[in-house]
Amino acid sequence: MVWKKLIYAFITLLDLAAFIITDHGVALFLLICLVVLPLVTYVALFFLSRHVEFSYAVGDSCFRGGTIAITMTVRVKMRLFLGSADVYADIENMTFGKTESKIFTFKDFRDHSYTYEYKSQNAGRLRVVFPKIKLFGLFGMCSLTIKCDEGTEALVSPKLYEDVDLIETGMSRAAAVFGDVVDFTKKGNDRSEIFDVRDYVPGDNLNSVHWKLSGKFDSLKSKEYGSSSHFKTLILVDPSRNKFEKQATDGEMNLVLDIAVSLSSALKDNGMPHCVGWFSDGKFCSSEVWDNESFLQMVYNQMSMRIYDGNAQTVFYFSRGQEFTKFTKIIYVSVAARADELRILRGLDVTAISLGGSKSVFDEDGIRLIELPQEIIESTLEENE
């Protein structure tokens, strides 16, 4: 639009020069029109800004590599002096800490909608915000900005792989803790049964908080469900991008999320209740998984964590927290792992899955360390589209 303003300014100056030289009435009239037109346009845009109707719809979720439909509509009943409108959109991936800015131009202000198919290569929770709408005059020389600040959230889920048995996690040993399959129809295995109430411990799921009782005691109380003794297996996700001088790419960090979610899905399908945990801003967060609904909730919760550019010290902080004593089996998923790092999880059955340049397995003193190249994981596992 800058070139239009320059041309308009040049024509105005040229007409001014013509009026000064000739002192002709036509040049004066044209000069007045050229000066007044922008002022009239601004007044018209200000009036129209009060009558702009903006609506949008954003798809709820998709798998990584898929698309989320973002549909926008700008309506204006009267179009006097209005040429076009630009809708600004900021799409922020809160997990990876990246923001993309888009501008969408509308020239039809009736019921014409614009649909943008947004494709994200990274998993994570998206925040889609429309910060402003910019109205342009009929000739594109005058503009007026309307603050909007409307938005919503969407989820890009990690890719889901079916054949995770190819990664030997030692779950045959873990199955001996609570059996191969848990029958939730039996008494004591139903998550809807509340057997006890205890003090809230950091890391407890907020869905388990007994809010009415917490109000009476002036402190948070957590519900103890029937099958709590079964949740002894933890898939611990490490959101560290930089570990042991390894700087992980976005693709490698996505693969960490893919593996963790795929393992959780496999355990769920085999009737093995478990927890998925991670550290977000220094706090341990976890979600219990026992059915499809709790699995989807876990994915949504997990995508609220952010990827650390450095080392999140996940194993160290986990070994120092109260959560350390709640589990007997740990499946640790990270871009890099070493046996000396995992030895502080003493007394637990630990399997670590990390990404490396060559395939290798370390198994000693209850610690199983599996290192797999990214290419092997992506080519071996059968992706569920």
Protein backbone atom coordinates (compact mmCIF):
# COMPACT_ATOMS: atom_id res chain seq x y z
CA MET A 1 0.00 0.00 0.00
CA VAL A 2 3.00 2.32 0.35
CA TRP A 3 3.30 2.82 -3.38
CA LYS A 4 -0.34 3.94 -3.58
CA LYS A 5 0.26 6.54 -0.88
CA LEU A 6 3.35 7.79 -2.68
CA ILE A 7 1.43 8.11 -5.97
CA TYR A 8 -1.42 9.90 -4.18
CA ALA A 9 1.01 12.31 -2.49
CA PHE A 10 2.74 12.95 -5.83
CA ILE A 11 -0.58 13.72 -7.57
CA THR A 12 -1.55 16.07 -4.71
CA LEU A 13 1.76 17.94 -4.89
CA LEU A 14 1.50 18.11 -8.66
CA ASP A 15 -1.99 19.58 -8.43
CA LEU A 16 -0.81 22.05 -5.79
CA ALA A 17 1.98 23.17 -8.09
CA ALA A 18 -0.51 23.53 -10.95
CA PHE A 19 -2.79 25.68 -8.81
CA ILE A 20 0.10 27.92 -7.70
CA ILE A 21 1.28 28.41 -11.29
CA THR A 22 -2.10 28.81 -13.02
CA ASP A 23 -4.35 29.92 -10.15
CA HIS A 24 -7.10 27.99 -11.97
CA GLY A 25 -10.37 27.10 -10.20
CA VAL A 26 -10.38 23.51 -11.49
CA ALA A 27 -6.97 22.89 -9.94
CA LEU A 28 -8.23 24.36 -6.66
CA PHE A 29 -11.34 22.15 -6.68
CA LEU A 30 -9.26 19.07 -7.43
CA LEU A 31 -6.83 19.99 -4.66
CA ILE A 32 -9.67 20.31 -2.15
CA CYS A 33 -11.02 16.89 -3.19
CA LEU A 34 -7.59 15.32 -2.85
CA VAL A 35 -7.19 16.74 0.69
CA VAL A 36 -10.74 16.07 1.88
CA LEU A 37 -11.03 12.52 0.50
CA PRO A 38 -8.63 10.95 3.04
CA LEU A 39 -10.39 12.75 5.92
CA VAL A 40 -13.80 11.54 4.75
CA THR A 41 -12.41 8.04 4.33
CA TYR A 42 -11.03 8.01 7.89
CA VAL A 43 -14.40 9.15 9.26
CA ALA A 44 -16.16 6.43 7.25
CA LEU A 45 -13.71 3.76 8.46
CA PHE A 46 -14.19 4.89 12.06
CA PHE A 47 -17.96 4.53 11.65
CA LEU A 48 -17.63 1.12 9.96
CA SER A 49 -15.27 -0.15 12.67
CA ARG A 50 -18.22 -0.05 15.09
CA HIS A 51 -20.24 -2.33 12.80
CA VAL A 52 -17.69 -4.97 11.83
CA GLU A 53 -18.74 -8.53 12.70
CA PHE A 54 -15.89 -11.02 12.97
CA SER A 55 -16.42 -14.74 13.56
CA TYR A 56 -14.08 -17.71 13.46
CA ALA A 57 -13.93 -21.46 14.00
CA VAL A 58 -10.82 -23.54 14.71
CA GLY A 59 -10.62 -27.31 14.50
CA ASP A 60 -10.13 -29.06 17.85
CA SER A 61 -7.26 -31.40 17.02
CA CYS A 62 -5.29 -33.39 14.49
CA PHE A 63 -2.33 -35.75 14.41
CA ARG A 64 1.07 -34.24 13.74
CA GLY A 65 1.44 -33.77 10.01
CA GLY A 66 -2.30 -33.31 9.58
CA THR A 67 -4.15 -30.03 9.17
CA ILE A 68 -6.36 -27.90 11.39
CA ALA A 69 -9.00 -25.83 9.63
CA ILE A 70 -9.13 -22.16 10.65
CA THR A 71 -12.25 -20.52 9.22
CA MET A 72 -12.83 -16.74 9.44
CA THR A 73 -15.65 -14.48 8.32
CA VAL A 74 -15.73 -10.64 8.28
CA ARG A 75 -19.17 -9.06 7.79
CA VAL A 76 -20.00 -5.38 7.24
CA LYS A 77 -23.53 -4.29 6.35
CA MET A 78 -22.51 -0.94 4.80
CA ARG A 79 -19.40 -0.83 2.62
CA LEU A 80 -19.15 2.91 2.02
CA PHE A 81 -15.48 3.86 1.41
CA LEU A 82 -14.38 0.36 2.56
CA GLY A 83 -12.01 -1.43 0.19
CA SER A 84 -10.63 -4.46 2.06
CA ALA A 85 -9.80 -5.82 5.51
CA ASP A 86 -6.77 -7.74 6.80
CA VAL A 87 -7.24 -10.21 9.65
CA TYR A 88 -4.03 -10.88 11.61
CA ALA A 89 -3.58 -14.31 13.19
CA ASP A 90 -0.84 -15.53 15.55
CA ILE A 91 -0.52 -19.32 15.82
CA GLU A 92 1.61 -20.21 18.85
CA ASN A 93 2.82 -23.71 19.62
CA MET A 94 3.08 -23.53 23.41
CA THR A 95 4.94 -26.86 23.66
CA PHE A 96 7.76 -25.90 21.30
CA GLY A 97 7.56 -22.15 22.01
CA LYS A 98 7.17 -21.10 18.38
CA THR A 99 4.80 -18.54 16.87
CA GLU A 100 3.76 -18.08 13.24
CA SER A 101 1.99 -14.93 12.08
CA LYS A 102 -0.45 -14.92 9.19
CA ILE A 103 -2.44 -12.18 7.43
CA PHE A 104 -5.72 -12.95 5.66
CA THR A 105 -7.26 -10.41 3.27
CA PHE A 106 -11.05 -10.03 2.85
CA LYS A 107 -12.69 -8.17 -0.01
CA ASP A 108 -16.14 -9.78 0.23
CA PHE A 109 -17.93 -8.64 3.41
CA ARG A 110 -21.18 -10.55 3.10
CA ASP A 111 -21.08 -14.23 4.18
CA HIS A 112 -17.89 -15.14 2.41
CA SER A 113 -15.58 -17.13 4.71
CA TYR A 114 -11.88 -17.84 4.36
CA THR A 115 -10.59 -21.27 5.42
CA TYR A 116 -6.89 -21.76 6.05
CA GLU A 117 -5.60 -25.32 6.40
CA TYR A 118 -2.84 -25.00 9.00
CA LYS A 119 -0.36 -27.89 8.95
CA SER A 120 1.92 -28.28 11.95
CA GLN A 121 5.05 -30.40 11.79
CA ASN A 122 5.39 -30.21 15.58
CA ALA A 123 3.08 -31.73 18.15
CA GLY A 124 1.83 -29.49 20.93
CA ARG A 125 -0.96 -27.32 22.21
CA LEU A 126 -1.74 -24.47 19.84
CA ARG A 127 -3.04 -21.06 20.81
CA VAL A 128 -4.69 -19.33 17.85
CA VAL A 129 -5.14 -15.60 18.50
CA PHE A 130 -6.56 -12.88 16.25
CA PRO A 131 -4.96 -9.72 17.71
CA LYS A 132 -6.31 -7.15 15.24
CA ILE A 133 -8.28 -6.39 12.10
CA LYS A 134 -7.08 -3.66 9.75
CA LEU A 135 -9.62 -1.84 7.58
CA PHE A 136 -8.49 -0.19 4.35
CA GLY A 137 -10.19 2.62 2.46
CA LEU A 138 -11.61 2.32 -1.02
CA PHE A 139 -8.31 3.17 -2.71
CA GLY A 140 -6.14 1.42 -0.13
CA MET A 141 -4.46 4.62 1.04
CA CYS A 142 -6.19 5.05 4.41
CA SER A 143 -6.40 2.39 7.09
CA LEU A 144 -7.79 1.92 10.58
CA THR A 145 -6.82 -0.83 13.05
CA ILE A 146 -9.36 -2.57 15.29
CA LYS A 147 -8.07 -4.47 18.32
CA CYS A 148 -9.55 -7.94 18.51
CA ASP A 149 -7.59 -10.19 20.92
CA GLU A 150 -9.89 -13.14 20.37
CA GLY A 151 -8.64 -16.68 20.18
CA THR A 152 -8.92 -20.32 21.13
CA GLU A 153 -6.80 -23.45 21.60
CA ALA A 154 -6.29 -26.58 19.52
CA LEU A 155 -4.23 -29.73 19.92
CA VAL A 156 -1.71 -31.32 17.56
CA SER A 157 -1.31 -34.85 18.91
CA PRO A 158 1.93 -36.83 18.55
CA LYS A 159 1.96 -39.51 15.91
CA LEU A 160 0.58 -42.81 17.14
CA TYR A 161 2.48 -46.01 16.37
CA GLU A 162 0.82 -49.40 16.76
CA ASP A 163 3.69 -51.90 16.85
CA VAL A 164 5.61 -50.67 19.91
CA ASP A 165 6.37 -54.26 21.00
CA LEU A 166 9.48 -53.92 18.84
CA ILE A 167 10.85 -51.68 21.61
CA GLU A 168 11.61 -54.06 24.48
CA THR A 169 10.51 -52.15 27.56
CA GLY A 170 10.55 -55.06 29.98
CA MET A 171 6.80 -54.83 30.51
CA SER A 172 6.61 -58.60 30.98
CA ARG A 173 8.27 -58.01 34.34
CA ALA A 174 6.00 -55.09 35.09
CA ALA A 175 2.95 -57.20 34.26
CA ALA A 176 3.84 -59.47 37.16
CA VAL A 177 3.23 -56.53 39.51
CA PHE A 178 -0.43 -56.12 38.70
CA GLY A 179 -1.25 -58.92 36.24
CA ASP A 180 -1.39 -58.94 32.48
CA VAL A 181 -4.85 -57.44 32.23
CA VAL A 182 -6.91 -55.48 34.74
CA ASP A 183 -10.64 -56.19 34.65
CA PHE A 184 -12.29 -52.86 35.52
CA THR A 185 -15.67 -54.55 35.92
CA LYS A 186 -14.49 -56.15 39.17
CA LYS A 187 -15.03 -54.38 42.47
CA GLY A 188 -12.01 -52.35 43.46
CA ASN A 189 -10.87 -51.78 39.90
CA ASP A 190 -13.55 -49.24 39.03
CA ARG A 191 -12.07 -45.74 38.94
CA SER A 192 -15.44 -44.31 39.96
CA GLU A 193 -15.17 -45.98 43.39
CA ILE A 194 -13.65 -43.73 46.07
CA PHE A 195 -12.06 -45.80 48.84
CA ASP A 196 -10.33 -43.08 50.88
CA VAL A 197 -9.50 -39.37 51.10
CA ARG A 198 -5.99 -38.14 51.90
CA ASP A 199 -3.99 -34.91 51.92
CA TYR A 200 -3.15 -33.50 48.49
CA VAL A 201 0.40 -34.23 47.30
CA PRO A 202 2.03 -32.06 44.57
CA GLY A 203 1.71 -33.99 41.33
CA ASP A 204 -1.76 -35.34 42.08
CA ASN A 205 -4.20 -34.91 39.23
CA LEU A 206 -6.48 -31.94 39.90
CA ASN A 207 -9.40 -34.08 38.76
CA SER A 208 -8.87 -36.20 41.87
CA VAL A 209 -9.20 -33.24 44.29
CA HIS A 210 -12.23 -33.51 46.62
CA TRP A 211 -13.25 -29.85 46.42
CA LYS A 212 -16.17 -29.93 48.88
CA LEU A 213 -14.10 -31.63 51.58
CA SER A 214 -11.13 -29.35 50.85
CA GLY A 215 -13.38 -26.36 51.56
CA LYS A 216 -14.33 -27.73 54.96
CA PHE A 217 -10.75 -28.49 56.02
CA ASP A 218 -9.19 -25.35 54.47
CA SER A 219 -6.61 -27.57 52.75
CA LEU A 220 -6.63 -29.64 49.58
CA LYS A 221 -7.80 -33.26 49.87
CA SER A 222 -7.36 -35.91 47.18
CA LYS A 223 -9.64 -38.83 46.42
CA GLU A 224 -8.09 -42.31 46.69
CA TYR A 225 -9.68 -44.44 44.01
CA GLY A 226 -10.25 -48.15 43.97
CA SER A 227 -7.46 -49.25 41.63
CA SER A 228 -4.73 -46.90 42.85
CA SER A 229 -2.49 -49.84 43.70
CA HIS A 230 -2.36 -50.74 40.01
CA PHE A 231 -0.81 -47.44 38.92
CA LYS A 232 2.79 -48.45 39.66
CA THR A 233 4.19 -47.96 36.17
CA LEU A 234 5.32 -44.51 35.03
CA ILE A 235 6.23 -43.36 31.54
CA LEU A 236 8.55 -40.46 32.36
CA VAL A 237 8.95 -37.99 29.48
CA ASP A 238 12.04 -35.81 29.37
CA PRO A 239 11.40 -32.49 27.55
CA SER A 240 15.15 -31.63 27.40
CA ARG A 241 16.50 -30.59 24.02
CA ASN A 242 20.13 -30.46 25.20
CA LYS A 243 21.58 -33.49 27.02
CA PHE A 244 25.16 -34.77 27.23
CA GLU A 245 26.31 -32.36 24.50
CA LYS A 246 23.52 -33.57 22.21
CA GLN A 247 21.37 -30.79 20.75
CA ALA A 248 18.13 -32.38 19.63
CA THR A 249 16.26 -31.21 16.55
CA ASP A 250 12.51 -30.59 16.41
CA GLY A 251 12.13 -33.93 14.66
CA GLU A 252 13.90 -35.76 17.49
CA MET A 253 11.86 -34.00 20.17
CA ASN A 254 8.68 -34.92 18.29
CA LEU A 255 9.83 -38.53 18.20
CA VAL A 256 10.26 -38.52 21.98
CA LEU A 257 6.63 -37.43 22.31
CA ASP A 258 5.56 -39.99 19.69
CA ILE A 259 7.22 -42.88 21.55
CA ALA A 260 5.83 -41.86 24.95
CA VAL A 261 2.25 -41.54 23.70
CA SER A 262 2.48 -44.74 21.64
CA LEU A 263 3.76 -46.70 24.65
CA SER A 264 0.92 -45.35 26.76
CA SER A 265 -1.60 -46.36 24.10
CA ALA A 266 -0.13 -49.89 23.95
CA LEU A 267 -0.31 -50.31 27.74
CA LYS A 268 -3.87 -49.00 27.76
CA ASP A 269 -4.92 -51.39 25.01
CA ASN A 270 -3.40 -54.30 26.96
CA GLY A 271 -5.38 -53.38 30.06
CA MET A 272 -2.35 -52.09 31.99
CA PRO A 273 -3.16 -48.93 33.99
CA HIS A 274 -0.22 -46.57 34.30
CA CYS A 275 0.83 -42.96 34.67
CA VAL A 276 2.54 -40.60 32.26
CA GLY A 277 4.65 -37.93 33.96
CA TRP A 278 6.81 -34.96 33.02
CA PHE A 279 8.28 -31.81 34.51
CA SER A 280 6.84 -28.47 33.45
CA ASP A 281 8.39 -25.27 34.85
CA GLY A 282 10.05 -27.31 37.58
CA LYS A 283 6.87 -29.03 38.76
CA PHE A 284 6.10 -32.71 38.37
CA CYS A 285 2.89 -33.32 36.45
CA SER A 286 1.25 -36.66 35.81
CA SER A 287 -1.88 -38.18 34.32
CA GLU A 288 -3.31 -41.61 35.01
CA VAL A 289 -4.33 -43.69 32.01
CA TRP A 290 -6.73 -46.63 32.13
CA ASP A 291 -9.17 -46.13 29.23
CA ASN A 292 -9.62 -44.17 26.01
CA GLU A 293 -11.04 -41.10 27.73
CA SER A 294 -8.21 -40.84 30.28
CA PHE A 295 -5.69 -41.45 27.46
CA LEU A 296 -7.01 -38.48 25.47
CA GLN A 297 -6.96 -36.34 28.62
CA MET A 298 -3.35 -37.37 29.25
CA VAL A 299 -2.33 -36.32 25.73
CA TYR A 300 -4.01 -32.95 26.18
CA ASN A 301 -2.31 -32.44 29.56
CA GLN A 302 1.09 -33.56 28.31
CA MET A 303 1.01 -31.12 25.41
CA SER A 304 0.79 -28.30 27.95
CA MET A 305 4.43 -28.87 28.89
CA ARG A 306 7.10 -26.94 27.07
CA ILE A 307 10.27 -28.19 25.42
CA TYR A 308 13.36 -26.96 27.27
CA ASP A 309 16.21 -25.59 25.18
CA GLY A 310 18.61 -26.86 27.85
CA ASN A 311 18.50 -29.78 30.28
CA ALA A 312 15.37 -30.06 32.43
CA GLN A 313 17.19 -32.38 34.89
CA THR A 314 14.14 -34.66 34.83
CA VAL A 315 15.71 -37.74 36.45
CA PHE A 316 17.46 -35.71 39.16
CA TYR A 317 14.33 -33.81 40.23
CA PHE A 318 12.20 -36.93 40.01
CA SER A 319 14.58 -38.84 42.32
CA ARG A 320 14.35 -36.01 44.88
CA GLY A 321 10.55 -35.74 44.90
CA GLN A 322 7.86 -37.59 46.78
CA GLU A 323 6.69 -39.20 43.53
CA PHE A 324 9.84 -41.35 43.52
CA THR A 325 8.33 -43.82 46.01
CA LYS A 326 4.99 -44.23 44.25
CA PHE A 327 6.21 -46.33 41.33
CA THR A 328 7.99 -49.64 40.85
CA LYS A 329 8.49 -49.50 37.06
CA ILE A 330 9.85 -46.49 35.13
CA ILE A 331 9.93 -46.20 31.35
CA TYR A 332 12.09 -43.16 30.69
CA VAL A 333 11.89 -41.57 27.23
CA SER A 334 14.52 -38.98 26.31
CA VAL A 335 16.68 -37.80 23.41
CA ALA A 336 19.72 -39.07 25.33
CA ALA A 337 20.26 -41.19 28.46
CA ARG A 338 23.18 -42.75 30.32
CA ALA A 339 23.38 -45.51 32.89
CA ASP A 340 25.09 -43.32 35.50
CA GLU A 341 22.23 -40.83 35.20
CA LEU A 342 19.64 -43.55 35.85
CA ARG A 343 21.38 -45.18 38.82
CA ILE A 344 19.95 -42.55 41.17
CA LEU A 345 16.57 -44.24 40.57
CA ARG A 346 17.77 -47.04 42.84
CA GLY A 347 15.32 -49.74 43.80
CA LEU A 348 13.16 -49.28 40.70
CA ASP A 349 12.87 -51.32 37.52
CA VAL A 350 14.04 -48.79 34.90
CA THR A 351 13.93 -48.95 31.13
CA ALA A 352 15.26 -45.93 29.23
CA ILE A 353 14.58 -45.33 25.54
CA SER A 354 16.76 -42.73 23.84
CA LEU A 355 17.77 -41.67 20.36
CA GLY A 356 21.28 -42.43 19.18
CA GLY A 357 23.48 -42.91 16.17
CA SER A 358 23.61 -46.69 16.44
CA LYS A 359 21.43 -49.42 17.90
CA SER A 360 22.62 -50.56 21.34
CA VAL A 361 21.22 -52.16 24.52
CA PHE A 362 22.61 -51.90 28.06
CA ASP A 363 21.09 -54.14 30.75
CA GLU A 364 22.52 -54.19 34.25
CA ASP A 365 21.32 -53.97 37.89
CA GLY A 366 17.67 -53.33 37.01
CA ILE A 367 18.55 -50.67 34.43
CA ARG A 368 17.80 -51.33 30.78
CA LEU A 369 19.05 -48.68 28.38
CA ILE A 370 17.88 -48.92 24.76
CA GLU A 371 19.41 -46.57 22.20
CA LEU A 372 17.83 -46.49 18.76
CA PRO A 373 18.54 -44.36 15.68
CA GLN A 374 15.69 -42.15 14.56
CA GLU A 375 15.60 -43.84 11.17
CA ILE A 376 15.06 -47.30 12.70
CA ILE A 377 12.17 -46.14 14.86
CA GLU A 378 10.40 -44.33 12.04
CA SER A 379 10.90 -47.15 9.51
CA THR A 380 10.19 -50.08 11.84
CA LEU A 381 7.15 -48.91 13.73
CA GLU A 382 3.90 -49.09 11.85
CA GLU A 383 2.34 -45.65 11.88
CA ASN A 384 -1.36 -45.45 12.59
CA GLU A 385 -2.75 -42.78 10.30
